[in-house]
Amino acid sequence: CTAFWLITDLPLPGLIGGLMAAQAGLLGSRR
């Protein structure tokens, strides 16, 4: 998410939302 933020200059709330969504997705697909 930090690399994506540095490349795209996404606002910080979008970064935090993306981080939470990605983490929820990772935990939801937990093997």
ModelCIF file with pLDDT and N, C-alpha, C, O atoms, coordinates in Angstrom:
data_MODEL
#
_entry.id   MODEL 
#
_entity.id                         1 
_entity.type                       polymer 
_entity.pdbx_number_of_molecules   1 
#
_entity_poly.entity_id                      1 
_entity_poly.type                           'polypeptide(L)' 
_entity_poly.nstd_linkage                   no 
_entity_poly.nstd_monomer                   no 
_entity_poly.pdbx_seq_one_letter_code       CTAFWLITDLPLPGLIGGLMAAQAGLLGSRR 
_entity_poly.pdbx_seq_one_letter_code_can   CTAFWLITDLPLPGLIGGLMAAQAGLLGSRR 
_entity_poly.pdbx_strand_id                 A 
#
loop_
_entity_poly_seq.entity_id 
_entity_poly_seq.num 
_entity_poly_seq.mon_id 
_entity_poly_seq.hetero 
1 1  CYS n 
1 2  THR n 
1 3  ALA n 
1 4  PHE n 
1 5  TRP n 
1 6  LEU n 
1 7  ILE n 
1 8  THR n 
1 9  ASP n 
1 10 LEU n 
1 11 PRO n 
1 12 LEU n 
1 13 PRO n 
1 14 GLY n 
1 15 LEU n 
1 16 ILE n 
1 17 GLY n 
1 18 GLY n 
1 19 LEU n 
1 20 MET n 
1 21 ALA n 
1 22 ALA n 
1 23 GLN n 
1 24 ALA n 
1 25 GLY n 
1 26 LEU n 
1 27 LEU n 
1 28 GLY n 
1 29 SER n 
1 30 ARG n 
1 31 ARG n 
#
_struct_asym.id          A 
_struct_asym.entity_id   1 
#
loop_
_ma_qa_metric.id 
_ma_qa_metric.mode 
_ma_qa_metric.name 
_ma_qa_metric.software_group_id 
_ma_qa_metric.type 
1 global pLDDT . pLDDT 
2 local  pLDDT . pLDDT 
#
_ma_qa_metric_global.metric_id      1 
_ma_qa_metric_global.metric_value   69.39 
_ma_qa_metric_global.model_id       1 
_ma_qa_metric_global.ordinal_id     1 
#
loop_
_ma_qa_metric_local.label_asym_id 
_ma_qa_metric_local.label_comp_id 
_ma_qa_metric_local.label_seq_id 
_ma_qa_metric_local.metric_id 
_ma_qa_metric_local.metric_value 
_ma_qa_metric_local.model_id 
_ma_qa_metric_local.ordinal_id 
A CYS 1  2 71.00 1 1  
A THR 2  2 73.00 1 2  
A ALA 3  2 76.00 1 3  
A PHE 4  2 73.00 1 4  
A TRP 5  2 72.00 1 5  
A LEU 6  2 77.00 1 6  
A ILE 7  2 80.00 1 7  
A THR 8  2 77.00 1 8  
A ASP 9  2 72.00 1 9  
A LEU 10 2 67.00 1 10 
A PRO 11 2 69.00 1 11 
A LEU 12 2 61.00 1 12 
A PRO 13 2 65.00 1 13 
A GLY 14 2 69.00 1 14 
A LEU 15 2 68.00 1 15 
A ILE 16 2 67.00 1 16 
A GLY 17 2 72.00 1 17 
A GLY 18 2 72.00 1 18 
A LEU 19 2 72.00 1 19 
A MET 20 2 69.00 1 20 
A ALA 21 2 75.00 1 21 
A ALA 22 2 71.00 1 22 
A GLN 23 2 70.00 1 23 
A ALA 24 2 70.00 1 24 
A GLY 25 2 70.00 1 25 
A LEU 26 2 64.00 1 26 
A LEU 27 2 65.00 1 27 
A GLY 28 2 61.00 1 28 
A SER 29 2 59.00 1 29 
A ARG 30 2 60.00 1 30 
A ARG 31 2 64.00 1 31 
#
loop_
_atom_site.group_PDB 
_atom_site.id 
_atom_site.type_symbol 
_atom_site.label_atom_id 
_atom_site.label_alt_id 
_atom_site.label_comp_id 
_atom_site.label_asym_id 
_atom_site.label_entity_id 
_atom_site.label_seq_id 
_atom_site.pdbx_PDB_ins_code 
_atom_site.Cartn_x 
_atom_site.Cartn_y 
_atom_site.Cartn_z 
_atom_site.occupancy 
_atom_site.B_iso_or_equiv 
_atom_site.pdbx_formal_charge 
_atom_site.auth_seq_id 
_atom_site.auth_comp_id 
_atom_site.auth_asym_id 
_atom_site.auth_atom_id 
_atom_site.pdbx_PDB_model_num 
ATOM 1   N N  . CYS A 1 1  ? 0.824   -1.212  0.000  1.00 71.00 ? 1  CYS A N  1 
ATOM 2   C CA . CYS A 1 1  ? 0.000   0.000   0.000  1.00 71.00 ? 1  CYS A CA 1 
ATOM 3   C C  . CYS A 1 1  ? 0.861   1.267   0.000  1.00 71.00 ? 1  CYS A C  1 
ATOM 4   O O  . CYS A 1 1  ? 0.504   2.247   -0.653 1.00 71.00 ? 1  CYS A O  1 
ATOM 5   N N  . THR A 1 2  ? 1.968   1.265   0.707  1.00 73.00 ? 2  THR A N  1 
ATOM 6   C CA . THR A 1 2  ? 2.866   2.422   0.724  1.00 73.00 ? 2  THR A CA 1 
ATOM 7   C C  . THR A 1 2  ? 3.480   2.634   -0.654 1.00 73.00 ? 2  THR A C  1 
ATOM 8   O O  . THR A 1 2  ? 3.565   3.765   -1.133 1.00 73.00 ? 2  THR A O  1 
ATOM 9   N N  . ALA A 1 3  ? 3.906   1.548   -1.289 1.00 76.00 ? 3  ALA A N  1 
ATOM 10  C CA . ALA A 1 3  ? 4.475   1.677   -2.635 1.00 76.00 ? 3  ALA A CA 1 
ATOM 11  C C  . ALA A 1 3  ? 3.418   2.198   -3.601 1.00 76.00 ? 3  ALA A C  1 
ATOM 12  O O  . ALA A 1 3  ? 3.708   3.047   -4.444 1.00 76.00 ? 3  ALA A O  1 
ATOM 13  N N  . PHE A 1 4  ? 2.211   1.697   -3.482 1.00 73.00 ? 4  PHE A N  1 
ATOM 14  C CA . PHE A 1 4  ? 1.118   2.160   -4.345 1.00 73.00 ? 4  PHE A CA 1 
ATOM 15  C C  . PHE A 1 4  ? 0.832   3.639   -4.093 1.00 73.00 ? 4  PHE A C  1 
ATOM 16  O O  . PHE A 1 4  ? 0.571   4.394   -5.030 1.00 73.00 ? 4  PHE A O  1 
ATOM 17  N N  . TRP A 1 5  ? 0.883   4.048   -2.830 1.00 72.00 ? 5  TRP A N  1 
ATOM 18  C CA . TRP A 1 5  ? 0.640   5.448   -2.465 1.00 72.00 ? 5  TRP A CA 1 
ATOM 19  C C  . TRP A 1 5  ? 1.726   6.356   -3.038 1.00 72.00 ? 5  TRP A C  1 
ATOM 20  O O  . TRP A 1 5  ? 1.426   7.441   -3.538 1.00 72.00 ? 5  TRP A O  1 
ATOM 21  N N  . LEU A 1 6  ? 2.986   5.919   -2.970 1.00 77.00 ? 6  LEU A N  1 
ATOM 22  C CA . LEU A 1 6  ? 4.090   6.715   -3.506 1.00 77.00 ? 6  LEU A CA 1 
ATOM 23  C C  . LEU A 1 6  ? 4.000   6.852   -5.017 1.00 77.00 ? 6  LEU A C  1 
ATOM 24  O O  . LEU A 1 6  ? 4.342   7.896   -5.571 1.00 77.00 ? 6  LEU A O  1 
ATOM 25  N N  . ILE A 1 7  ? 3.540   5.798   -5.685 1.00 80.00 ? 7  ILE A N  1 
ATOM 26  C CA . ILE A 1 7  ? 3.465   5.825   -7.140 1.00 80.00 ? 7  ILE A CA 1 
ATOM 27  C C  . ILE A 1 7  ? 2.266   6.650   -7.618 1.00 80.00 ? 7  ILE A C  1 
ATOM 28  O O  . ILE A 1 7  ? 2.387   7.438   -8.556 1.00 80.00 ? 7  ILE A O  1 
ATOM 29  N N  . THR A 1 8  ? 1.117   6.467   -6.976 1.00 77.00 ? 8  THR A N  1 
ATOM 30  C CA . THR A 1 8  ? -0.107  7.093   -7.477 1.00 77.00 ? 8  THR A CA 1 
ATOM 31  C C  . THR A 1 8  ? -0.470  8.383   -6.755 1.00 77.00 ? 8  THR A C  1 
ATOM 32  O O  . THR A 1 8  ? -1.343  9.115   -7.219 1.00 77.00 ? 8  THR A O  1 
ATOM 33  N N  . ASP A 1 9  ? 0.176   8.680   -5.635 1.00 72.00 ? 9  ASP A N  1 
ATOM 34  C CA . ASP A 1 9  ? -0.134  9.864   -4.837 1.00 72.00 ? 9  ASP A CA 1 
ATOM 35  C C  . ASP A 1 9  ? -1.594  9.870   -4.368 1.00 72.00 ? 9  ASP A C  1 
ATOM 36  O O  . ASP A 1 9  ? -2.258  10.906  -4.367 1.00 72.00 ? 9  ASP A O  1 
ATOM 37  N N  . LEU A 1 10 ? -2.072  8.692   -3.973 1.00 67.00 ? 10 LEU A N  1 
ATOM 38  C CA . LEU A 1 10 ? -3.434  8.511   -3.462 1.00 67.00 ? 10 LEU A CA 1 
ATOM 39  C C  . LEU A 1 10 ? -3.553  9.197   -2.102 1.00 67.00 ? 10 LEU A C  1 
ATOM 40  O O  . LEU A 1 10 ? -2.589  9.171   -1.336 1.00 67.00 ? 10 LEU A O  1 
ATOM 41  N N  . PRO A 1 11 ? -4.689  9.808   -1.769 1.00 69.00 ? 11 PRO A N  1 
ATOM 42  C CA . PRO A 1 11 ? -4.830  10.442  -0.458 1.00 69.00 ? 11 PRO A CA 1 
ATOM 43  C C  . PRO A 1 11 ? -4.762  9.406   0.676  1.00 69.00 ? 11 PRO A C  1 
ATOM 44  O O  . PRO A 1 11 ? -5.100  8.237   0.490  1.00 69.00 ? 11 PRO A O  1 
ATOM 45  N N  . LEU A 1 12 ? -4.325  9.856   1.825  1.00 61.00 ? 12 LEU A N  1 
ATOM 46  C CA . LEU A 1 12 ? -4.117  8.960   2.965  1.00 61.00 ? 12 LEU A CA 1 
ATOM 47  C C  . LEU A 1 12 ? -5.370  8.197   3.388  1.00 61.00 ? 12 LEU A C  1 
ATOM 48  O O  . LEU A 1 12 ? -5.247  7.010   3.692  1.00 61.00 ? 12 LEU A O  1 
ATOM 49  N N  . PRO A 1 13 ? -6.590  8.799   3.430  1.00 65.00 ? 13 PRO A N  1 
ATOM 50  C CA . PRO A 1 13 ? -7.775  7.996   3.786  1.00 65.00 ? 13 PRO A CA 1 
ATOM 51  C C  . PRO A 1 13 ? -8.007  6.849   2.806  1.00 65.00 ? 13 PRO A C  1 
ATOM 52  O O  . PRO A 1 13 ? -8.448  5.771   3.206  1.00 65.00 ? 13 PRO A O  1 
ATOM 53  N N  . GLY A 1 14 ? -7.713  7.074   1.527  1.00 69.00 ? 14 GLY A N  1 
ATOM 54  C CA . GLY A 1 14 ? -7.844  5.995   0.551  1.00 69.00 ? 14 GLY A CA 1 
ATOM 55  C C  . GLY A 1 14 ? -6.843  4.884   0.814  1.00 69.00 ? 14 GLY A C  1 
ATOM 56  O O  . GLY A 1 14 ? -7.143  3.702   0.643  1.00 69.00 ? 14 GLY A O  1 
ATOM 57  N N  . LEU A 1 15 ? -5.641  5.286   1.236  1.00 68.00 ? 15 LEU A N  1 
ATOM 58  C CA . LEU A 1 15 ? -4.612  4.299   1.559  1.00 68.00 ? 15 LEU A CA 1 
ATOM 59  C C  . LEU A 1 15 ? -5.029  3.458   2.758  1.00 68.00 ? 15 LEU A C  1 
ATOM 60  O O  . LEU A 1 15 ? -4.893  2.235   2.738  1.00 68.00 ? 15 LEU A O  1 
ATOM 61  N N  . ILE A 1 16 ? -5.534  4.104   3.795  1.00 67.00 ? 16 ILE A N  1 
ATOM 62  C CA . ILE A 1 16 ? -5.959  3.373   4.992  1.00 67.00 ? 16 ILE A CA 1 
ATOM 63  C C  . ILE A 1 16 ? -7.128  2.446   4.664  1.00 67.00 ? 16 ILE A C  1 
ATOM 64  O O  . ILE A 1 16 ? -7.160  1.303   5.120  1.00 67.00 ? 16 ILE A O  1 
ATOM 65  N N  . GLY A 1 17 ? -8.089  2.934   3.874  1.00 72.00 ? 17 GLY A N  1 
ATOM 66  C CA . GLY A 1 17 ? -9.214  2.092   3.462  1.00 72.00 ? 17 GLY A CA 1 
ATOM 67  C C  . GLY A 1 17 ? -8.753  0.906   2.639  1.00 72.00 ? 17 GLY A C  1 
ATOM 68  O O  . GLY A 1 17 ? -9.228  -0.215  2.826  1.00 72.00 ? 17 GLY A O  1 
ATOM 69  N N  . GLY A 1 18 ? -7.825  1.156   1.729  1.00 72.00 ? 18 GLY A N  1 
ATOM 70  C CA . GLY A 1 18 ? -7.274  0.068   0.919  1.00 72.00 ? 18 GLY A CA 1 
ATOM 71  C C  . GLY A 1 18 ? -6.527  -0.945  1.759  1.00 72.00 ? 18 GLY A C  1 
ATOM 72  O O  . GLY A 1 18 ? -6.618  -2.150  1.526  1.00 72.00 ? 18 GLY A O  1 
ATOM 73  N N  . LEU A 1 19 ? -5.781  -0.444  2.746  1.00 72.00 ? 19 LEU A N  1 
ATOM 74  C CA . LEU A 1 19 ? -5.043  -1.329  3.644  1.00 72.00 ? 19 LEU A CA 1 
ATOM 75  C C  . LEU A 1 19 ? -5.988  -2.220  4.437  1.00 72.00 ? 19 LEU A C  1 
ATOM 76  O O  . LEU A 1 19 ? -5.754  -3.421  4.573  1.00 72.00 ? 19 LEU A O  1 
ATOM 77  N N  . MET A 1 20 ? -7.057  -1.627  4.960  1.00 69.00 ? 20 MET A N  1 
ATOM 78  C CA . MET A 1 20 ? -8.020  -2.417  5.739  1.00 69.00 ? 20 MET A CA 1 
ATOM 79  C C  . MET A 1 20 ? -8.737  -3.442  4.855  1.00 69.00 ? 20 MET A C  1 
ATOM 80  O O  . MET A 1 20 ? -8.959  -4.575  5.283  1.00 69.00 ? 20 MET A O  1 
ATOM 81  N N  . ALA A 1 21 ? -9.100  -3.057  3.636  1.00 75.00 ? 21 ALA A N  1 
ATOM 82  C CA . ALA A 1 21 ? -9.776  -3.976  2.722  1.00 75.00 ? 21 ALA A CA 1 
ATOM 83  C C  . ALA A 1 21 ? -8.852  -5.128  2.314  1.00 75.00 ? 21 ALA A C  1 
ATOM 84  O O  . ALA A 1 21 ? -9.270  -6.284  2.246  1.00 75.00 ? 21 ALA A O  1 
ATOM 85  N N  . ALA A 1 22 ? -7.594  -4.787  2.046  1.00 71.00 ? 22 ALA A N  1 
ATOM 86  C CA . ALA A 1 22 ? -6.643  -5.836  1.662  1.00 71.00 ? 22 ALA A CA 1 
ATOM 87  C C  . ALA A 1 22 ? -6.408  -6.810  2.804  1.00 71.00 ? 22 ALA A C  1 
ATOM 88  O O  . ALA A 1 22 ? -6.350  -8.021  2.591  1.00 71.00 ? 22 ALA A O  1 
ATOM 89  N N  . GLN A 1 23 ? -6.272  -6.287  4.011  1.00 70.00 ? 23 GLN A N  1 
ATOM 90  C CA . GLN A 1 23 ? -6.049  -7.155  5.159  1.00 70.00 ? 23 GLN A CA 1 
ATOM 91  C C  . GLN A 1 23 ? -7.260  -8.042  5.424  1.00 70.00 ? 23 GLN A C  1 
ATOM 92  O O  . GLN A 1 23 ? -7.107  -9.224  5.732  1.00 70.00 ? 23 GLN A O  1 
ATOM 93  N N  . ALA A 1 24 ? -8.472  -7.475  5.305  1.00 70.00 ? 24 ALA A N  1 
ATOM 94  C CA . ALA A 1 24 ? -9.685  -8.275  5.492  1.00 70.00 ? 24 ALA A CA 1 
ATOM 95  C C  . ALA A 1 24 ? -9.776  -9.366  4.433  1.00 70.00 ? 24 ALA A C  1 
ATOM 96  O O  . ALA A 1 24 ? -10.195 -10.486 4.726  1.00 70.00 ? 24 ALA A O  1 
ATOM 97  N N  . GLY A 1 25 ? -9.386  -9.043  3.208  1.00 70.00 ? 25 GLY A N  1 
ATOM 98  C CA . GLY A 1 25 ? -9.386  -10.043 2.146  1.00 70.00 ? 25 GLY A CA 1 
ATOM 99  C C  . GLY A 1 25 ? -8.394  -11.156 2.405  1.00 70.00 ? 25 GLY A C  1 
ATOM 100 O O  . GLY A 1 25 ? -8.681  -12.325 2.150  1.00 70.00 ? 25 GLY A O  1 
ATOM 101 N N  . LEU A 1 26 ? -7.212  -10.788 2.918  1.00 64.00 ? 26 LEU A N  1 
ATOM 102 C CA . LEU A 1 26 ? -6.211  -11.801 3.225  1.00 64.00 ? 26 LEU A CA 1 
ATOM 103 C C  . LEU A 1 26 ? -6.672  -12.721 4.350  1.00 64.00 ? 26 LEU A C  1 
ATOM 104 O O  . LEU A 1 26 ? -6.479  -13.935 4.293  1.00 64.00 ? 26 LEU A O  1 
ATOM 105 N N  . LEU A 1 27 ? -7.278  -12.130 5.366  1.00 65.00 ? 27 LEU A N  1 
ATOM 106 C CA . LEU A 1 27 ? -7.754  -12.957 6.476  1.00 65.00 ? 27 LEU A CA 1 
ATOM 107 C C  . LEU A 1 27 ? -8.957  -13.800 6.073  1.00 65.00 ? 27 LEU A C  1 
ATOM 108 O O  . LEU A 1 27 ? -9.135  -14.913 6.568  1.00 65.00 ? 27 LEU A O  1 
ATOM 109 N N  . GLY A 1 28 ? -9.783  -13.267 5.172  1.00 61.00 ? 28 GLY A N  1 
ATOM 110 C CA . GLY A 1 28 ? -10.949 -14.024 4.729  1.00 61.00 ? 28 GLY A CA 1 
ATOM 111 C C  . GLY A 1 28 ? -10.573 -15.225 3.888  1.00 61.00 ? 28 GLY A C  1 
ATOM 112 O O  . GLY A 1 28 ? -11.275 -16.236 3.896  1.00 61.00 ? 28 GLY A O  1 
ATOM 113 N N  . SER A 1 29 ? -9.470  -15.123 3.163  1.00 59.00 ? 29 SER A N  1 
ATOM 114 C CA . SER A 1 29 ? -9.039  -16.238 2.326  1.00 59.00 ? 29 SER A CA 1 
ATOM 115 C C  . SER A 1 29 ? -7.974  -17.089 3.016  1.00 59.00 ? 29 SER A C  1 
ATOM 116 O O  . SER A 1 29 ? -7.212  -17.798 2.359  1.00 59.00 ? 29 SER A O  1 
ATOM 117 N N  . ARG A 1 30 ? -7.931  -17.012 4.313  1.00 60.00 ? 30 ARG A N  1 
ATOM 118 C CA . ARG A 1 30 ? -6.916  -17.710 5.105  1.00 60.00 ? 30 ARG A CA 1 
ATOM 119 C C  . ARG A 1 30 ? -6.971  -19.216 4.862  1.00 60.00 ? 30 ARG A C  1 
ATOM 120 O O  . ARG A 1 30 ? -8.038  -19.829 4.913  1.00 60.00 ? 30 ARG A O  1 
ATOM 121 N N  . ARG A 1 31 ? -5.825  -19.789 4.601  1.00 64.00 ? 31 ARG A N  1 
ATOM 122 C CA . ARG A 1 31 ? -5.746  -21.226 4.344  1.00 64.00 ? 31 ARG A CA 1 
ATOM 123 C C  . ARG A 1 31 ? -5.535  -21.967 5.665  1.00 64.00 ? 31 ARG A C  1 
ATOM 124 O O  . ARG A 1 31 ? -5.441  -23.194 5.675  1.00 64.00 ? 31 ARG A O  1 
#
